[in-house]
Amino acid sequence: MADGQWATVRQIAGEIERLEALDRGEGLDEDGRAVLARLRIRAGRASSRAVLADDVADRIDRATRTRDRGGGATGT
């Protein structure tokens, strides 16, 4: 799941880079700047979700390893 989240972050980052390059060259109109602003917000949210997904995956991995070593609660 985290890999998919990070793929989304990379995709949005690519779109941001493309628009920023256009802005440096021709300049973006008001609509283009609004799209860029929304993409930056989406990137922040997507990266937060990716970090959370990484954290959940790490916790699950630790719990699984603990359980497999016999350190977890029985019957779960």
N, C-alpha and C. Protein backbone atom coordinates (compact mmCIF):
# COMPACT_ATOMS: atom_id res chain seq x y z
N MET A 1 0.81 -1.18 0.00
CA MET A 1 0.00 0.00 0.00
C MET A 1 0.87 1.26 0.00
N ALA A 2 1.91 1.26 0.79
CA ALA A 2 2.78 2.45 0.85
C ALA A 2 3.43 2.72 -0.49
N ASP A 3 3.80 1.67 -1.22
CA ASP A 3 4.43 1.87 -2.52
C ASP A 3 3.49 2.62 -3.46
N GLY A 4 2.22 2.27 -3.43
CA GLY A 4 1.24 2.96 -4.27
C GLY A 4 1.08 4.42 -3.86
N GLN A 5 1.13 4.67 -2.56
CA GLN A 5 1.04 6.04 -2.07
C GLN A 5 2.23 6.87 -2.55
N TRP A 6 3.42 6.28 -2.47
CA TRP A 6 4.61 7.00 -2.91
C TRP A 6 4.60 7.20 -4.43
N ALA A 7 4.03 6.26 -5.17
CA ALA A 7 3.90 6.43 -6.62
C ALA A 7 3.02 7.64 -6.93
N THR A 8 1.97 7.81 -6.16
CA THR A 8 1.09 8.98 -6.33
C THR A 8 1.86 10.27 -6.05
N VAL A 9 2.66 10.27 -4.99
CA VAL A 9 3.46 11.45 -4.66
C VAL A 9 4.40 11.78 -5.82
N ARG A 10 5.06 10.75 -6.37
CA ARG A 10 5.99 10.98 -7.49
C ARG A 10 5.25 11.51 -8.72
N GLN A 11 4.06 11.00 -8.98
CA GLN A 11 3.28 11.46 -10.12
C GLN A 11 2.92 12.94 -9.96
N ILE A 12 2.44 13.30 -8.79
CA ILE A 12 2.06 14.69 -8.54
C ILE A 12 3.31 15.58 -8.62
N ALA A 13 4.42 15.11 -8.08
CA ALA A 13 5.67 15.89 -8.14
C ALA A 13 6.08 16.14 -9.59
N GLY A 14 5.88 15.15 -10.44
CA GLY A 14 6.19 15.33 -11.85
C GLY A 14 5.32 16.40 -12.49
N GLU A 15 4.05 16.40 -12.15
CA GLU A 15 3.14 17.42 -12.67
C GLU A 15 3.54 18.81 -12.16
N ILE A 16 3.92 18.88 -10.89
CA ILE A 16 4.36 20.16 -10.32
C ILE A 16 5.61 20.66 -11.05
N GLU A 17 6.57 19.76 -11.26
CA GLU A 17 7.80 20.15 -11.96
C GLU A 17 7.50 20.68 -13.36
N ARG A 18 6.58 20.02 -14.06
CA ARG A 18 6.22 20.44 -15.42
C ARG A 18 5.62 21.84 -15.39
N LEU A 19 4.69 22.07 -14.47
CA LEU A 19 4.05 23.38 -14.39
C LEU A 19 5.03 24.47 -13.94
N GLU A 20 5.92 24.12 -13.01
CA GLU A 20 6.91 25.10 -12.57
C GLU A 20 7.85 25.48 -13.71
N ALA A 21 8.21 24.51 -14.54
CA ALA A 21 9.05 24.79 -15.70
C ALA A 21 8.32 25.72 -16.67
N LEU A 22 7.04 25.46 -16.89
CA LEU A 22 6.25 26.35 -17.74
C LEU A 22 6.18 27.75 -17.14
N ASP A 23 6.03 27.81 -15.84
CA ASP A 23 5.92 29.11 -15.17
C ASP A 23 7.23 29.89 -15.32
N ARG A 24 8.36 29.18 -15.22
CA ARG A 24 9.66 29.85 -15.38
C ARG A 24 9.86 30.33 -16.81
N GLY A 25 9.31 29.59 -17.75
CA GLY A 25 9.47 29.96 -19.16
C GLY A 25 8.44 30.98 -19.60
N GLU A 26 7.31 30.49 -20.01
CA GLU A 26 6.25 31.34 -20.55
C GLU A 26 5.48 32.07 -19.46
N GLY A 27 5.49 31.51 -18.30
CA GLY A 27 4.66 32.04 -17.22
C GLY A 27 3.28 31.41 -17.28
N LEU A 28 2.73 31.13 -16.14
CA LEU A 28 1.40 30.53 -16.07
C LEU A 28 0.35 31.63 -15.93
N ASP A 29 -0.79 31.38 -16.52
CA ASP A 29 -1.90 32.31 -16.30
C ASP A 29 -2.52 32.02 -14.94
N GLU A 30 -3.55 32.75 -14.61
CA GLU A 30 -4.18 32.59 -13.30
C GLU A 30 -4.69 31.17 -13.08
N ASP A 31 -5.29 30.58 -14.11
CA ASP A 31 -5.78 29.21 -13.98
C ASP A 31 -4.63 28.23 -13.76
N GLY A 32 -3.54 28.42 -14.48
CA GLY A 32 -2.37 27.56 -14.32
C GLY A 32 -1.78 27.66 -12.93
N ARG A 33 -1.71 28.87 -12.41
CA ARG A 33 -1.20 29.04 -11.04
C ARG A 33 -2.12 28.40 -10.02
N ALA A 34 -3.43 28.44 -10.28
CA ALA A 34 -4.39 27.79 -9.37
C ALA A 34 -4.20 26.28 -9.40
N VAL A 35 -4.00 25.72 -10.59
CA VAL A 35 -3.75 24.29 -10.72
C VAL A 35 -2.48 23.92 -9.96
N LEU A 36 -1.44 24.71 -10.12
CA LEU A 36 -0.17 24.46 -9.42
C LEU A 36 -0.37 24.50 -7.91
N ALA A 37 -1.11 25.46 -7.44
CA ALA A 37 -1.37 25.56 -5.99
C ALA A 37 -2.12 24.33 -5.50
N ARG A 38 -3.13 23.89 -6.25
CA ARG A 38 -3.89 22.69 -5.85
C ARG A 38 -3.01 21.45 -5.86
N LEU A 39 -2.12 21.35 -6.85
CA LEU A 39 -1.20 20.21 -6.90
C LEU A 39 -0.26 20.19 -5.70
N ARG A 40 0.19 21.36 -5.29
CA ARG A 40 1.07 21.42 -4.12
C ARG A 40 0.34 20.96 -2.87
N ILE A 41 -0.92 21.33 -2.75
CA ILE A 41 -1.72 20.86 -1.61
C ILE A 41 -1.90 19.35 -1.69
N ARG A 42 -2.25 18.85 -2.87
CA ARG A 42 -2.41 17.40 -3.06
C ARG A 42 -1.13 16.66 -2.72
N ALA A 43 0.01 17.22 -3.13
CA ALA A 43 1.31 16.58 -2.86
C ALA A 43 1.55 16.48 -1.36
N GLY A 44 1.24 17.53 -0.64
CA GLY A 44 1.41 17.49 0.81
C GLY A 44 0.54 16.44 1.46
N ARG A 45 -0.70 16.38 1.04
CA ARG A 45 -1.61 15.38 1.60
C ARG A 45 -1.19 13.96 1.21
N ALA A 46 -0.80 13.79 -0.04
CA ALA A 46 -0.39 12.46 -0.51
C ALA A 46 0.87 12.00 0.22
N SER A 47 1.80 12.91 0.45
CA SER A 47 3.01 12.50 1.16
C SER A 47 2.70 12.16 2.62
N SER A 48 1.76 12.86 3.22
CA SER A 48 1.34 12.51 4.59
C SER A 48 0.74 11.12 4.63
N ARG A 49 -0.10 10.81 3.65
CA ARG A 49 -0.69 9.47 3.60
C ARG A 49 0.37 8.40 3.37
N ALA A 50 1.36 8.70 2.53
CA ALA A 50 2.42 7.74 2.26
C ALA A 50 3.25 7.48 3.51
N VAL A 51 3.55 8.52 4.26
CA VAL A 51 4.31 8.36 5.51
C VAL A 51 3.50 7.50 6.50
N LEU A 52 2.21 7.77 6.61
CA LEU A 52 1.35 6.97 7.49
C LEU A 52 1.31 5.52 7.04
N ALA A 53 1.21 5.29 5.73
CA ALA A 53 1.18 3.92 5.22
C ALA A 53 2.49 3.21 5.53
N ASP A 54 3.61 3.91 5.40
CA ASP A 54 4.91 3.33 5.77
C ASP A 54 4.92 2.96 7.25
N ASP A 55 4.42 3.84 8.09
CA ASP A 55 4.39 3.60 9.53
C ASP A 55 3.54 2.37 9.86
N VAL A 56 2.37 2.28 9.24
CA VAL A 56 1.49 1.13 9.49
C VAL A 56 2.18 -0.15 9.03
N ALA A 57 2.80 -0.12 7.87
CA ALA A 57 3.49 -1.32 7.37
C ALA A 57 4.62 -1.73 8.31
N ASP A 58 5.36 -0.76 8.84
CA ASP A 58 6.44 -1.07 9.79
C ASP A 58 5.88 -1.68 11.07
N ARG A 59 4.77 -1.13 11.56
CA ARG A 59 4.16 -1.67 12.78
C ARG A 59 3.66 -3.10 12.58
N ILE A 60 3.05 -3.33 11.43
CA ILE A 60 2.57 -4.69 11.13
C ILE A 60 3.74 -5.64 11.03
N ASP A 61 4.82 -5.21 10.39
CA ASP A 61 6.00 -6.06 10.26
C ASP A 61 6.59 -6.39 11.63
N ARG A 62 6.69 -5.38 12.51
CA ARG A 62 7.22 -5.64 13.86
C ARG A 62 6.31 -6.59 14.64
N ALA A 63 5.00 -6.40 14.54
CA ALA A 63 4.06 -7.26 15.25
C ALA A 63 4.14 -8.69 14.73
N THR A 64 4.28 -8.84 13.43
CA THR A 64 4.38 -10.17 12.84
C THR A 64 5.66 -10.86 13.29
N ARG A 65 6.77 -10.12 13.29
CA ARG A 65 8.03 -10.73 13.74
C ARG A 65 7.97 -11.10 15.21
N THR A 66 7.36 -10.26 16.03
CA THR A 66 7.21 -10.56 17.46
C THR A 66 6.36 -11.81 17.64
N ARG A 67 5.25 -11.87 16.92
CA ARG A 67 4.37 -13.03 17.02
C ARG A 67 5.10 -14.30 16.57
N ASP A 68 5.83 -14.22 15.47
CA ASP A 68 6.53 -15.38 14.93
C ASP A 68 7.65 -15.86 15.85
N ARG A 69 8.17 -14.97 16.68
CA ARG A 69 9.20 -15.38 17.65
C ARG A 69 8.57 -15.88 18.93
N GLY A 70 7.26 -15.85 19.00
CA GLY A 70 6.58 -16.35 20.18
C GLY A 70 6.39 -15.30 21.26
N GLY A 71 6.61 -14.05 20.92
CA GLY A 71 6.48 -12.99 21.92
C GLY A 71 5.12 -12.33 21.95
N GLY A 72 4.25 -12.72 21.04
CA GLY A 72 2.94 -12.06 20.99
C GLY A 72 1.93 -12.77 21.86
N ALA A 73 0.75 -12.21 21.95
CA ALA A 73 -0.34 -12.82 22.73
C ALA A 73 -0.81 -14.07 22.02
N THR A 74 -1.17 -15.07 22.78
CA THR A 74 -1.66 -16.31 22.19
C THR A 74 -3.11 -16.14 21.76
N GLY A 75 -3.46 -16.83 20.71
CA GLY A 75 -4.84 -16.82 20.25
C GLY A 75 -5.20 -15.63 19.39
N THR A 76 -4.19 -14.84 18.98
CA THR A 76 -4.50 -13.69 18.11
C THR A 76 -3.89 -13.85 16.76
